[in-house]
């Protein structure tokens, strides 16, 4: 987790894409570009999400578990009926931030020549058109704005449960 969180995503994309060729001599196909992006993003963001989950679980006071034990609940019942609701409430804001960052980081896929919205806009810019860059920026802004509204509504919906 420390390695994945401590190195740039762009470097991880290049290692996942070029690594099999330089380490094992495996040929790099055009089809593998997309898979390399999925693998690199999954590993990178899994490291960040795991830290968010860990922090959310560790933030639950020990007394919550003890209260469930006193009531005669099993470990599964304690987790699903008592702890999980509190964990979800605690991790929702950082999860929203990471998901929005993930959306914006997809523009890094063009490092290994995977066509994304930014790379497409860049090809039009090379032909002398500047507007596609503004449109791609507008798309990211609108999409992230919608996600922000969605996560804000989810947070308010869970606000009835004070921690």
C-alpha atoms as a PDB file:
ATOM      1  CA  UNK A   1       0.000   0.000   0.000  1.00  0.00           C
ATOM      2  CA  UNK A   2       2.822   2.392   0.825  1.00  0.00           C
ATOM      3  CA  UNK A   3       4.485   1.800  -2.549  1.00  0.00           C
ATOM      4  CA  UNK A   4       1.271   2.362  -4.476  1.00  0.00           C
ATOM      5  CA  UNK A   5       0.380   5.497  -2.515  1.00  0.00           C
ATOM      6  CA  UNK A   6       3.958   6.770  -2.567  1.00  0.00           C
ATOM      7  CA  UNK A   7       4.598   6.606  -6.313  1.00  0.00           C
ATOM      8  CA  UNK A   8       2.919   8.619  -9.071  1.00  0.00           C
ATOM      9  CA  UNK A   9       0.058   7.018 -10.964  1.00  0.00           C
ATOM     10  CA  UNK A  10       1.720   7.944 -14.252  1.00  0.00           C
ATOM     11  CA  UNK A  11       4.793   5.919 -13.287  1.00  0.00           C
ATOM     12  CA  UNK A  12       2.589   2.992 -12.265  1.00  0.00           C
ATOM     13  CA  UNK A  13       0.830   3.119 -15.640  1.00  0.00           C
ATOM     14  CA  UNK A  14       4.164   2.938 -17.439  1.00  0.00           C
ATOM     15  CA  UNK A  15       5.456   0.101 -15.242  1.00  0.00           C
ATOM     16  CA  UNK A  16       2.295  -1.980 -15.715  1.00  0.00           C
ATOM     17  CA  UNK A  17       2.325  -1.361 -19.466  1.00  0.00           C
ATOM     18  CA  UNK A  18       6.040  -1.651 -20.282  1.00  0.00           C
ATOM     19  CA  UNK A  19       7.068  -3.928 -17.394  1.00  0.00           C
ATOM     20  CA  UNK A  20       5.981  -7.275 -18.902  1.00  0.00           C
ATOM     21  CA  UNK A  21       8.025  -6.528 -22.028  1.00  0.00           C
ATOM     22  CA  UNK A  22      11.210  -5.448 -20.258  1.00  0.00           C
ATOM     23  CA  UNK A  23      11.035  -7.985 -17.431  1.00  0.00           C
ATOM     24  CA  UNK A  24       9.646 -11.074 -19.176  1.00  0.00           C
ATOM     25  CA  UNK A  25      10.101 -10.255 -22.862  1.00  0.00           C
ATOM     26  CA  UNK A  26       6.350 -10.475 -23.505  1.00  0.00           C
ATOM     27  CA  UNK A  27       5.154  -8.566 -26.575  1.00  0.00           C
ATOM     28  CA  UNK A  28       3.009  -5.505 -25.997  1.00  0.00           C
ATOM     29  CA  UNK A  29      -0.231  -5.506 -27.978  1.00  0.00           C
ATOM     30  CA  UNK A  30      -2.635  -2.648 -28.577  1.00  0.00           C
ATOM     31  CA  UNK A  31      -5.298  -4.627 -26.724  1.00  0.00           C
ATOM     32  CA  UNK A  32      -3.073  -4.728 -23.632  1.00  0.00           C
ATOM     33  CA  UNK A  33      -3.053  -0.916 -23.376  1.00  0.00           C
ATOM     34  CA  UNK A  34      -6.608  -0.864 -22.082  1.00  0.00           C
ATOM     35  CA  UNK A  35      -5.946  -3.744 -19.678  1.00  0.00           C
ATOM     36  CA  UNK A  36      -2.804  -2.017 -18.388  1.00  0.00           C
ATOM     37  CA  UNK A  37      -4.838   1.107 -17.608  1.00  0.00           C
ATOM     38  CA  UNK A  38      -7.474  -0.950 -15.757  1.00  0.00           C
ATOM     39  CA  UNK A  39      -4.814  -2.856 -13.789  1.00  0.00           C
ATOM     40  CA  UNK A  40      -2.800   0.242 -12.848  1.00  0.00           C
ATOM     41  CA  UNK A  41      -5.849   2.268 -11.821  1.00  0.00           C
ATOM     42  CA  UNK A  42      -7.310  -0.658  -9.871  1.00  0.00           C
ATOM     43  CA  UNK A  43      -4.132  -1.292  -7.910  1.00  0.00           C
ATOM     44  CA  UNK A  44      -3.497   2.402  -7.256  1.00  0.00           C
ATOM     45  CA  UNK A  45      -6.996   3.243  -6.112  1.00  0.00           C
ATOM     46  CA  UNK A  46      -7.357  -0.007  -4.158  1.00  0.00           C
ATOM     47  CA  UNK A  47      -4.469   1.214  -2.006  1.00  0.00           C
ATOM     48  CA  UNK A  48      -6.205   4.527  -1.329  1.00  0.00           C
ATOM     49  CA  UNK A  49      -9.622   2.945  -0.763  1.00  0.00           C
ATOM     50  CA  UNK A  50      -8.166   0.354   1.614  1.00  0.00           C
ATOM     51  CA  UNK A  51      -6.710   3.118   3.754  1.00  0.00           C
ATOM     52  CA  UNK A  52     -10.068   4.887   3.790  1.00  0.00           C
ATOM     53  CA  UNK A  53     -11.826   1.670   4.860  1.00  0.00           C
ATOM     54  CA  UNK A  54      -9.172   0.951   7.489  1.00  0.00           C
ATOM     55  CA  UNK A  55      -9.523   4.434   8.944  1.00  0.00           C
ATOM     56  CA  UNK A  56     -13.315   4.183   8.958  1.00  0.00           C
ATOM     57  CA  UNK A  57     -13.296   0.825  10.732  1.00  0.00           C
ATOM     58  CA  UNK A  58     -10.689   1.894  13.277  1.00  0.00           C
ATOM     59  CA  UNK A  59     -12.678   5.061  14.045  1.00  0.00           C
ATOM     60  CA  UNK A  60     -15.573   3.054  15.488  1.00  0.00           C
ATOM     61  CA  UNK A  61     -15.364   3.199  19.285  1.00  0.00           C
ATOM     62  CA  UNK A  62     -14.681  -0.165  20.949  1.00  0.00           C
ATOM     63  CA  UNK A  63     -17.749   0.385  23.126  1.00  0.00           C
ATOM     64  CA  UNK A  64     -19.975  -0.141  20.084  1.00  0.00           C
ATOM     65  CA  UNK A  65     -18.722  -3.696  19.675  1.00  0.00           C
ATOM     66  CA  UNK A  66     -18.933  -4.337  23.406  1.00  0.00           C
ATOM     67  CA  UNK A  67     -22.527  -3.076  23.484  1.00  0.00           C
ATOM     68  CA  UNK A  68     -23.432  -5.541  20.741  1.00  0.00           C
ATOM     69  CA  UNK A  69     -21.761  -8.362  22.669  1.00  0.00           C
ATOM     70  CA  UNK A  70     -23.706  -7.447  25.798  1.00  0.00           C
ATOM     71  CA  UNK A  71     -26.910  -7.661  23.766  1.00  0.00           C
ATOM     72  CA  UNK A  72     -25.923 -11.194  22.715  1.00  0.00           C
ATOM     73  CA  UNK A  73     -25.237 -10.414  19.059  1.00  0.00           C
ATOM     74  CA  UNK A  74     -22.865 -12.500  16.941  1.00  0.00           C
ATOM     75  CA  UNK A  75     -19.781 -10.908  15.367  1.00  0.00           C
ATOM     76  CA  UNK A  76     -21.556 -10.751  12.001  1.00  0.00           C
ATOM     77  CA  UNK A  77     -24.615  -9.078  13.535  1.00  0.00           C
ATOM     78  CA  UNK A  78     -22.436  -6.566  15.361  1.00  0.00           C
ATOM     79  CA  UNK A  79     -20.597  -5.721  12.159  1.00  0.00           C
ATOM     80  CA  UNK A  80     -23.619  -5.446   9.858  1.00  0.00           C
ATOM     81  CA  UNK A  81     -26.132  -3.911  12.262  1.00  0.00           C
ATOM     82  CA  UNK A  82     -23.934  -1.632  14.352  1.00  0.00           C
ATOM     83  CA  UNK A  83     -20.512  -0.969  12.862  1.00  0.00           C
ATOM     84  CA  UNK A  84     -21.154  -0.948   9.105  1.00  0.00           C
ATOM     85  CA  UNK A  85     -23.616   1.955   9.213  1.00  0.00           C
ATOM     86  CA  UNK A  86     -21.141   4.049  11.152  1.00  0.00           C
ATOM     87  CA  UNK A  87     -18.280   3.091   8.838  1.00  0.00           C
ATOM     88  CA  UNK A  88     -20.283   4.064   5.737  1.00  0.00           C
ATOM     89  CA  UNK A  89     -21.117   7.445   7.238  1.00  0.00           C
ATOM     90  CA  UNK A  90     -17.478   8.077   8.117  1.00  0.00           C
ATOM     91  CA  UNK A  91     -15.958   6.966   4.797  1.00  0.00           C
ATOM     92  CA  UNK A  92     -18.462   8.562   2.421  1.00  0.00           C
ATOM     93  CA  UNK A  93     -16.751  11.997   2.163  1.00  0.00           C
ATOM     94  CA  UNK A  94     -13.235  10.656   1.494  1.00  0.00           C
ATOM     95  CA  UNK A  95     -14.639   8.015  -0.869  1.00  0.00           C
ATOM     96  CA  UNK A  96     -16.405  10.754  -2.824  1.00  0.00           C
ATOM     97  CA  UNK A  97     -13.152  12.695  -3.070  1.00  0.00           C
ATOM     98  CA  UNK A  98     -11.245   9.648  -4.306  1.00  0.00           C
ATOM     99  CA  UNK A  99     -13.883   8.764  -6.897  1.00  0.00           C
ATOM    100  CA  UNK A 100     -13.821  12.325  -8.251  1.00  0.00           C
ATOM    101  CA  UNK A 101     -10.015  12.190  -8.347  1.00  0.00           C
ATOM    102  CA  UNK A 102     -10.214   8.861 -10.175  1.00  0.00           C
ATOM    103  CA  UNK A 103     -12.437  10.427 -12.834  1.00  0.00           C
ATOM    104  CA  UNK A 104      -9.953  13.246 -13.342  1.00  0.00           C
ATOM    105  CA  UNK A 105      -6.972  10.870 -13.339  1.00  0.00           C
ATOM    106  CA  UNK A 106      -8.375   8.959 -16.310  1.00  0.00           C
ATOM    107  CA  UNK A 107      -6.763  11.648 -18.446  1.00  0.00           C
ATOM    108  CA  UNK A 108      -3.407  10.046 -17.564  1.00  0.00           C
ATOM    109  CA  UNK A 109      -4.327   7.033 -19.699  1.00  0.00           C
ATOM    110  CA  UNK A 110      -3.015   8.861 -22.751  1.00  0.00           C
ATOM    111  CA  UNK A 111       0.511   8.334 -21.373  1.00  0.00           C
ATOM    112  CA  UNK A 112       0.374   4.824 -22.825  1.00  0.00           C
ATOM    113  CA  UNK A 113      -1.657   5.907 -25.881  1.00  0.00           C
ATOM    114  CA  UNK A 114      -5.097   4.857 -24.689  1.00  0.00           C
ATOM    115  CA  UNK A 115      -7.683   7.059 -26.335  1.00  0.00           C
ATOM    116  CA  UNK A 116      -9.604   9.036 -23.764  1.00  0.00           C
ATOM    117  CA  UNK A 117     -11.422  12.338 -23.876  1.00  0.00           C
ATOM    118  CA  UNK A 118      -8.241  14.339 -23.235  1.00  0.00           C
ATOM    119  CA  UNK A 119      -6.228  12.568 -25.922  1.00  0.00           C
ATOM    120  CA  UNK A 120      -9.049  13.016 -28.415  1.00  0.00           C
ATOM    121  CA  UNK A 121      -9.187  16.735 -27.617  1.00  0.00           C
ATOM    122  CA  UNK A 122      -5.406  16.920 -27.990  1.00  0.00           C
ATOM    123  CA  UNK A 123      -5.543  15.404 -31.476  1.00  0.00           C
ATOM    124  CA  UNK A 124      -8.006  18.101 -32.535  1.00  0.00           C
ATOM    125  CA  UNK A 125      -5.743  20.737 -30.973  1.00  0.00           C
ATOM    126  CA  UNK A 126      -2.872  19.448 -33.111  1.00  0.00           C
ATOM    127  CA  UNK A 127      -5.069  20.204 -36.129  1.00  0.00           C
ATOM    128  CA  UNK A 128      -5.466  23.816 -35.005  1.00  0.00           C
ATOM    129  CA  UNK A 129      -8.734  23.571 -33.058  1.00  0.00           C
ATOM    130  CA  UNK A 130      -8.635  24.761 -29.465  1.00  0.00           C
ATOM    131  CA  UNK A 131     -12.304  24.316 -28.558  1.00  0.00           C
ATOM    132  CA  UNK A 132     -12.167  20.534 -27.974  1.00  0.00           C
ATOM    133  CA  UNK A 133      -9.830  21.135 -25.023  1.00  0.00           C
ATOM    134  CA  UNK A 134     -12.326  23.527 -23.486  1.00  0.00           C
ATOM    135  CA  UNK A 135     -15.151  21.065 -24.133  1.00  0.00           C
ATOM    136  CA  UNK A 136     -13.237  18.233 -22.490  1.00  0.00           C
ATOM    137  CA  UNK A 137     -12.549  20.466 -19.497  1.00  0.00           C
ATOM    138  CA  UNK A 138     -16.212  21.398 -19.388  1.00  0.00           C
ATOM    139  CA  UNK A 139     -17.145  17.703 -19.491  1.00  0.00           C
ATOM    140  CA  UNK A 140     -14.864  16.907 -16.535  1.00  0.00           C
ATOM    141  CA  UNK A 141     -16.200  19.915 -14.639  1.00  0.00           C
ATOM    142  CA  UNK A 142     -19.838  18.951 -15.247  1.00  0.00           C
ATOM    143  CA  UNK A 143     -19.304  15.263 -14.459  1.00  0.00           C
ATOM    144  CA  UNK A 144     -17.379  15.984 -11.257  1.00  0.00           C
ATOM    145  CA  UNK A 145     -19.978  18.593 -10.314  1.00  0.00           C
ATOM    146  CA  UNK A 146     -22.742  16.011 -10.662  1.00  0.00           C
ATOM    147  CA  UNK A 147     -20.754  13.555  -8.531  1.00  0.00           C
ATOM    148  CA  UNK A 148     -20.231  16.255  -5.913  1.00  0.00           C
ATOM    149  CA  UNK A 149     -23.985  16.896  -5.770  1.00  0.00           C
ATOM    150  CA  UNK A 150     -24.686  13.151  -5.576  1.00  0.00           C
ATOM    151  CA  UNK A 151     -22.256  12.575  -2.720  1.00  0.00           C
ATOM    152  CA  UNK A 152     -23.533  15.675  -0.927  1.00  0.00           C
ATOM    153  CA  UNK A 153     -27.091  14.289  -1.087  1.00  0.00           C
ATOM    154  CA  UNK A 154     -25.884  10.897   0.171  1.00  0.00           C
ATOM    155  CA  UNK A 155     -24.089  12.556   3.073  1.00  0.00           C
ATOM    156  CA  UNK A 156     -27.222  14.534   3.972  1.00  0.00           C
ATOM    157  CA  UNK A 157     -29.317  11.380   3.750  1.00  0.00           C
ATOM    158  CA  UNK A 158     -27.013   9.713   6.282  1.00  0.00           C
ATOM    159  CA  UNK A 159     -26.945  12.837   8.466  1.00  0.00           C
ATOM    160  CA  UNK A 160     -29.813  11.540  10.597  1.00  0.00           C
ATOM    161  CA  UNK A 161     -27.287   9.228  12.194  1.00  0.00           C
ATOM    162  CA  UNK A 162     -25.101  11.437  14.409  1.00  0.00           C
ATOM    163  CA  UNK A 163     -21.708  10.088  15.343  1.00  0.00           C
END
